[in-house]
C-alpha atoms as a PDB file:
ATOM      1  CA  GLY A   1      -5.382  -1.653  22.309  1.00  0.00           C
ATOM      2  CA  THR A   2      -5.925  -1.324  18.535  1.00  0.00           C
ATOM      3  CA  PHE A   3      -2.781  -1.440  16.368  1.00  0.00           C
ATOM      4  CA  THR A   4      -2.453  -0.272  12.839  1.00  0.00           C
ATOM      5  CA  ILE A   5       0.070  -0.996  10.037  1.00  0.00           C
ATOM      6  CA  ARG A   6       0.128   1.558   7.129  1.00  0.00           C
ATOM      7  CA  LEU A   7       1.934   1.288   3.889  1.00  0.00           C
ATOM      8  CA  LEU A   8       2.275   4.786   2.191  1.00  0.00           C
ATOM      9  CA  GLN A   9       3.156   5.257  -1.418  1.00  0.00           C
ATOM     10  CA  ILE A  10       3.850   8.395  -3.418  1.00  0.00           C
ATOM     11  CA  THR A  11       4.412   7.892  -7.233  1.00  0.00           C
ATOM     12  CA  THR A  12       5.268  10.932  -9.399  1.00  0.00           C
ATOM     13  CA  PHE A  13       4.519  10.587 -13.065  1.00  0.00           C
ATOM     14  CA  GLN A  14       6.909  13.011 -14.771  1.00  0.00           C
ATOM     15  CA  ASN A  15       5.813  11.781 -18.161  1.00  0.00           C
ATOM     16  CA  SER A  16       4.695   8.521 -19.688  1.00  0.00           C
ATOM     17  CA  SER A  17       8.237   6.975 -19.336  1.00  0.00           C
ATOM     18  CA  PHE A  18       9.616   8.400 -16.078  1.00  0.00           C
ATOM     19  CA  VAL A  19       7.995   7.380 -12.874  1.00  0.00           C
ATOM     20  CA  ASP A  20       9.452   7.920  -9.357  1.00  0.00           C
ATOM     21  CA  THR A  21       8.160   6.155  -6.370  1.00  0.00           C
ATOM     22  CA  VAL A  22       8.739   6.421  -2.679  1.00  0.00           C
ATOM     23  CA  GLY A  23       7.388   4.246  -0.008  1.00  0.00           C
ATOM     24  CA  LEU A  24       7.237   4.162   3.878  1.00  0.00           C
ATOM     25  CA  GLY A  25       5.933   1.540   6.258  1.00  0.00           C
ATOM     26  CA  LEU A  26       4.462   2.427   9.724  1.00  0.00           C
ATOM     27  CA  LEU A  27       3.376   0.610  12.881  1.00  0.00           C
ATOM     28  CA  GLU A  28       1.289   3.382  14.331  1.00  0.00           C
ATOM     29  CA  ASP A  29       3.613   6.341  13.953  1.00  0.00           C
ATOM     30  CA  ILE A  30       6.884   4.282  14.190  1.00  0.00           C
ATOM     31  CA  GLU A  31       8.597   4.241  10.850  1.00  0.00           C
ATOM     32  CA  LEU A  32       9.544   0.581  10.140  1.00  0.00           C
ATOM     33  CA  GLY A  33      11.318   1.113   6.909  1.00  0.00           C
ATOM     34  CA  CYS A  34      11.207   2.554   3.440  1.00  0.00           C
ATOM     35  CA  LEU A  35      11.398   1.640  -0.097  1.00  0.00           C
ATOM     36  CA  ASP A  36      14.763   2.433  -1.976  1.00  0.00           C
ATOM     37  CA  LYS A  37      13.469   4.176  -5.077  1.00  0.00           C
ATOM     38  CA  ASN A  38      16.638   3.250  -7.072  1.00  0.00           C
ATOM     39  CA  ASN A  39      16.354  -0.560  -6.685  1.00  0.00           C
ATOM     40  CA  MET A  40      13.035  -1.041  -4.803  1.00  0.00           C
ATOM     41  CA  SER A  41      14.561  -2.815  -1.970  1.00  0.00           C
ATOM     42  CA  ILE A  42      13.458  -2.316   1.498  1.00  0.00           C
ATOM     43  CA  HIS A  43      15.579  -0.415   4.081  1.00  0.00           C
ATOM     44  CA  PHE A  44      14.725  -1.116   7.763  1.00  0.00           C
ATOM     45  CA  TYR A  45      14.703   1.625  10.196  1.00  0.00           C
ATOM     46  CA  GLN A  46      14.087  -0.329  13.441  1.00  0.00           C
ATOM     47  CA  PRO A  47      16.540  -2.984  14.738  1.00  0.00           C
ATOM     48  CA  TRP A  48      13.744  -5.477  15.424  1.00  0.00           C
ATOM     49  CA  VAL A  49      11.964  -5.376  12.116  1.00  0.00           C
ATOM     50  CA  GLN A  50      14.234  -7.295   9.765  1.00  0.00           C
ATOM     51  CA  PRO A  51      14.856 -10.273  12.336  1.00  0.00           C
ATOM     52  CA  ALA A  52      11.064 -10.476  12.898  1.00  0.00           C
ATOM     53  CA  LEU A  53      10.573 -12.376   9.552  1.00  0.00           C
ATOM     54  CA  PRO A  54      12.739 -14.879   7.726  1.00  0.00           C
ATOM     55  CA  HIS A  55      15.007 -13.506   4.884  1.00  0.00           C
ATOM     56  CA  SER A  56      13.030 -15.373   2.366  1.00  0.00           C
ATOM     57  CA  GLU A  57       9.801 -13.857   3.439  1.00  0.00           C
ATOM     58  CA  TRP A  58      11.252 -10.401   3.126  1.00  0.00           C
ATOM     59  CA  LYS A  59      12.475 -11.344  -0.432  1.00  0.00           C
ATOM     60  CA  THR A  60       8.918 -12.390  -1.207  1.00  0.00           C
ATOM     61  CA  ILE A  61       7.501  -9.107   0.068  1.00  0.00           C
ATOM     62  CA  GLU A  62      10.062  -7.205  -1.958  1.00  0.00           C
ATOM     63  CA  THR A  63       9.111  -9.168  -5.155  1.00  0.00           C
ATOM     64  CA  MET A  64       5.380  -8.572  -4.511  1.00  0.00           C
ATOM     65  CA  ILE A  65       6.194  -4.890  -4.067  1.00  0.00           C
ATOM     66  CA  LYS A  66       8.133  -4.700  -7.315  1.00  0.00           C
ATOM     67  CA  ILE A  67       5.338  -6.513  -9.308  1.00  0.00           C
ATOM     68  CA  TYR A  68       2.627  -4.294  -7.799  1.00  0.00           C
ATOM     69  CA  LEU A  69       4.629  -1.048  -8.612  1.00  0.00           C
ATOM     70  CA  HIS A  70       5.179  -2.178 -12.166  1.00  0.00           C
ATOM     71  CA  LYS A  71       1.612  -3.005 -12.649  1.00  0.00           C
ATOM     72  CA  PHE A  72       0.405   0.134 -10.880  1.00  0.00           C
ATOM     73  CA  SER A  73       2.675   2.431 -12.967  1.00  0.00           C
ATOM     74  CA  HIS A  74       1.559   0.650 -16.179  1.00  0.00           C
ATOM     75  CA  LEU A  75      -2.141   0.930 -15.259  1.00  0.00           C
ATOM     76  CA  ILE A  76      -2.023   4.565 -14.255  1.00  0.00           C
ATOM     77  CA  ASN A  77       0.082   5.629 -17.257  1.00  0.00           C
ATOM     78  CA  GLU A  78      -2.216   3.680 -19.681  1.00  0.00           C
ATOM     79  CA  GLY A  79      -5.255   5.369 -18.240  1.00  0.00           C
ATOM     80  CA  ALA A  80      -3.640   8.775 -18.194  1.00  0.00           C
ATOM     81  CA  MET A  81      -2.569   8.657 -21.748  1.00  0.00           C
ATOM     82  CA  GLN A  82      -5.878   7.199 -22.989  1.00  0.00           C
ATOM     83  CA  ARG A  83      -7.687  10.099 -21.123  1.00  0.00           C
ATOM     84  CA  ASP A  84      -5.313  12.955 -22.028  1.00  0.00           C
ATOM     85  CA  VAL A  85      -4.372  13.528 -18.315  1.00  0.00           C
ATOM     86  CA  PRO A  86      -1.664  16.173 -18.266  1.00  0.00           C
ATOM     87  CA  TYR A  87       1.672  15.296 -16.913  1.00  0.00           C
ATOM     88  CA  PRO A  88       3.229  15.659 -14.438  1.00  0.00           C
ATOM     89  CA  PHE A  89       1.028  14.342 -11.679  1.00  0.00           C
ATOM     90  CA  VAL A  90       1.198  12.371  -8.365  1.00  0.00           C
ATOM     91  CA  ALA A  91      -0.594   9.377  -7.230  1.00  0.00           C
ATOM     92  CA  GLN A  92      -0.685   8.632  -3.445  1.00  0.00           C
ATOM     93  CA  CYS A  93      -1.752   5.352  -1.893  1.00  0.00           C
ATOM     94  CA  VAL A  94      -2.335   4.188   1.572  1.00  0.00           C
ATOM     95  CA  ALA A  95      -3.147   0.729   2.463  1.00  0.00           C
ATOM     96  CA  GLY A  96      -3.020  -1.451   5.723  1.00  0.00           C
ATOM     97  CA  CYS A  97      -4.944  -3.232   8.361  1.00  0.00           C
ATOM     98  CA  GLU A  98      -6.108  -2.557  11.833  1.00  0.00           C
ATOM     99  CA  LEU A  99      -5.928  -5.164  14.638  1.00  0.00           C
ATOM    100  CA  TYR A 100      -8.413  -4.795  17.317  1.00  0.00           C
ATOM    101  CA  PRO A 101      -8.222  -5.956  20.864  1.00  0.00           C
ATOM    102  CA  ASN A 102     -10.897  -8.652  20.344  1.00  0.00           C
ATOM    103  CA  ARG A 103      -8.510 -10.081  17.446  1.00  0.00           C
ATOM    104  CA  THR A 104     -10.663  -9.044  14.662  1.00  0.00           C
ATOM    105  CA  SER A 105      -9.085  -6.933  11.915  1.00  0.00           C
ATOM    106  CA  GLN A 106      -9.878  -4.617   9.053  1.00  0.00           C
ATOM    107  CA  PHE A 107      -8.150  -3.775   5.862  1.00  0.00           C
ATOM    108  CA  PHE A 108      -8.256  -0.299   4.471  1.00  0.00           C
ATOM    109  CA  ALA A 109      -6.941   1.223   1.149  1.00  0.00           C
ATOM    110  CA  SER A 110      -7.350   4.554  -0.641  1.00  0.00           C
ATOM    111  CA  VAL A 111      -5.831   6.355  -3.664  1.00  0.00           C
ATOM    112  CA  GLY A 112      -5.198  10.032  -3.956  1.00  0.00           C
ATOM    113  CA  TYR A 113      -4.472  12.041  -7.084  1.00  0.00           C
ATOM    114  CA  ASN A 114      -2.379  15.313  -6.799  1.00  0.00           C
ATOM    115  CA  GLY A 115      -3.243  15.476  -3.078  1.00  0.00           C
ATOM    116  CA  GLN A 116      -6.881  14.986  -3.324  1.00  0.00           C
ATOM    117  CA  GLY A 117      -8.955  11.881  -2.384  1.00  0.00           C
ATOM    118  CA  PHE A 118      -9.537   9.783  -5.614  1.00  0.00           C
ATOM    119  CA  LEU A 119     -10.723   6.245  -4.768  1.00  0.00           C
ATOM    120  CA  THR A 120     -11.505   4.498  -1.338  1.00  0.00           C
ATOM    121  CA  PHE A 121     -11.893   0.773  -0.737  1.00  0.00           C
ATOM    122  CA  ASP A 122     -15.274   0.028   0.994  1.00  0.00           C
ATOM    123  CA  THR A 123     -14.441  -3.081   3.046  1.00  0.00           C
ATOM    124  CA  ASP A 124     -18.107  -3.698   3.867  1.00  0.00           C
ATOM    125  CA  ASN A 125     -19.027  -4.134   0.271  1.00  0.00           C
ATOM    126  CA  ALA A 126     -15.565  -5.136  -1.137  1.00  0.00           C
ATOM    127  CA  THR A 127     -15.928  -2.357  -3.766  1.00  0.00           C
ATOM    128  CA  TRP A 128     -14.041   0.839  -4.747  1.00  0.00           C
ATOM    129  CA  THR A 129     -15.902   4.085  -4.193  1.00  0.00           C
ATOM    130  CA  LEU A 130     -15.178   7.383  -6.212  1.00  0.00           C
ATOM    131  CA  SER A 131     -13.910  10.361  -4.115  1.00  0.00           C
ATOM    132  CA  GLN A 132     -13.573  12.301  -7.543  1.00  0.00           C
ATOM    133  CA  ASP A 133     -15.738  11.528 -10.415  1.00  0.00           C
ATOM    134  CA  THR A 134     -13.338  11.840 -13.286  1.00  0.00           C
ATOM    135  CA  SER A 135     -12.573   9.805 -16.344  1.00  0.00           C
ATOM    136  CA  LEU A 136      -9.322   8.272 -14.807  1.00  0.00           C
ATOM    137  CA  SER A 137     -10.968   7.557 -11.469  1.00  0.00           C
ATOM    138  CA  ARG A 138     -13.839   5.621 -13.272  1.00  0.00           C
ATOM    139  CA  TYR A 139     -11.213   3.819 -15.377  1.00  0.00           C
ATOM    140  CA  LEU A 140      -9.283   2.830 -12.283  1.00  0.00           C
ATOM    141  CA  GLN A 141     -12.419   1.804 -10.349  1.00  0.00           C
ATOM    142  CA  ALA A 142     -13.704  -0.365 -13.270  1.00  0.00           C
ATOM    143  CA  PHE A 143     -10.241  -2.023 -13.553  1.00  0.00           C
ATOM    144  CA  LEU A 144      -9.990  -2.763  -9.831  1.00  0.00           C
ATOM    145  CA  GLU A 145     -13.552  -4.092  -9.557  1.00  0.00           C
ATOM    146  CA  ASN A 146     -13.327  -6.154 -12.701  1.00  0.00           C
ATOM    147  CA  HIS A 147      -9.969  -7.952 -11.930  1.00  0.00           C
ATOM    148  CA  THR A 148     -11.125 -10.507  -9.293  1.00  0.00           C
ATOM    149  CA  ALA A 149      -7.659 -12.123  -9.241  1.00  0.00           C
ATOM    150  CA  PHE A 150      -6.081  -8.824  -8.239  1.00  0.00           C
ATOM    151  CA  ASN A 151      -8.896  -8.181  -5.609  1.00  0.00           C
ATOM    152  CA  GLU A 152      -8.506 -11.668  -4.130  1.00  0.00           C
ATOM    153  CA  MET A 153      -4.550 -11.144  -3.853  1.00  0.00           C
ATOM    154  CA  VAL A 154      -5.319  -7.934  -2.092  1.00  0.00           C
ATOM    155  CA  GLU A 155      -7.779  -9.439   0.220  1.00  0.00           C
ATOM    156  CA  ILE A 156      -5.457 -12.314   1.050  1.00  0.00           C
ATOM    157  CA  LEU A 157      -2.518  -9.914   1.466  1.00  0.00           C
ATOM    158  CA  PHE A 158      -4.236  -7.525   3.892  1.00  0.00           C
ATOM    159  CA  ASN A 159      -6.696  -9.796   5.648  1.00  0.00           C
ATOM    160  CA  ASN A 160      -4.373 -12.477   6.434  1.00  0.00           C
ATOM    161  CA  THR A 161      -0.670 -11.543   5.749  1.00  0.00           C
ATOM    162  CA  CYS A 162      -1.015  -7.994   7.176  1.00  0.00           C
ATOM    163  CA  VAL A 163      -2.417  -9.107  10.405  1.00  0.00           C
ATOM    164  CA  ASN A 164      -0.062 -12.134  10.792  1.00  0.00           C
ATOM    165  CA  ASP A 165       3.012  -9.985  10.125  1.00  0.00           C
ATOM    166  CA  MET A 166       1.698  -7.342  12.440  1.00  0.00           C
ATOM    167  CA  GLU A 167       1.390  -9.817  15.245  1.00  0.00           C
ATOM    168  CA  VAL A 168       5.023 -10.952  14.579  1.00  0.00           C
ATOM    169  CA  LEU A 169       6.203  -7.309  14.608  1.00  0.00           C
ATOM    170  CA  LEU A 170       4.399  -6.615  17.810  1.00  0.00           C
ATOM    171  CA  HIS A 171       5.965  -9.599  19.417  1.00  0.00           C
ATOM    172  CA  SER A 172       9.458  -8.971  18.094  1.00  0.00           C
ATOM    173  CA  GLY A 173       9.764  -5.444  19.442  1.00  0.00           C
ATOM    174  CA  GLY A 174       6.951  -3.376  18.105  1.00  0.00           C
ATOM    175  CA  ARG A 175       4.841  -3.409  21.307  1.00  0.00           C
ATOM    176  CA  ALA A 176       7.851  -2.500  23.418  1.00  0.00           C
ATOM    177  CA  ALA A 177       8.667   0.441  21.032  1.00  0.00           C
ATOM    178  CA  LEU A 178       5.085   1.646  21.148  1.00  0.00           C
ATOM    179  CA  GLU A 179       4.954   1.382  24.993  1.00  0.00           C
ATOM    180  CA  ARG A 180       8.194   3.588  25.159  1.00  0.00           C
ATOM    181  CA  GLN A 181       6.459   6.345  23.178  1.00  0.00           C
END
């Protein structure tokens, strides 16, 4: 069948200097692990997840998450301050990939603002489309579309790494866990 990995992120911007982030990883509806908001380390929920990848690969993933969250918080705060967006507010992100039975895959990503759709990644055109037409959403869209290095990293991460890691997770216990449900 089709399998989906989702990474969920909820970031609360209390003010321009205090940001709180929680994250969750899912294989279908099985919780794989969460992000410790105090030190940004990964906590594994399933016994077969951590052994699925080498320790060094998990450390690389944690480092990439820390870099991403730092850049994300900076970008959103900068845009919010420049556009007089009132604090507090919440940004939600979901990203992941679907693996189809014919071994093709598709990446997806979207950003929400205070519980409403904000931006969605259009995989057919490799562009970000507005769900809300606001000054902040246009700023974020322009940033994402004009930073090709960022887009290339996202494309590699989700078109290659996501699918490869999903296959490893399915092989190491994920498929059996899904079948038991």
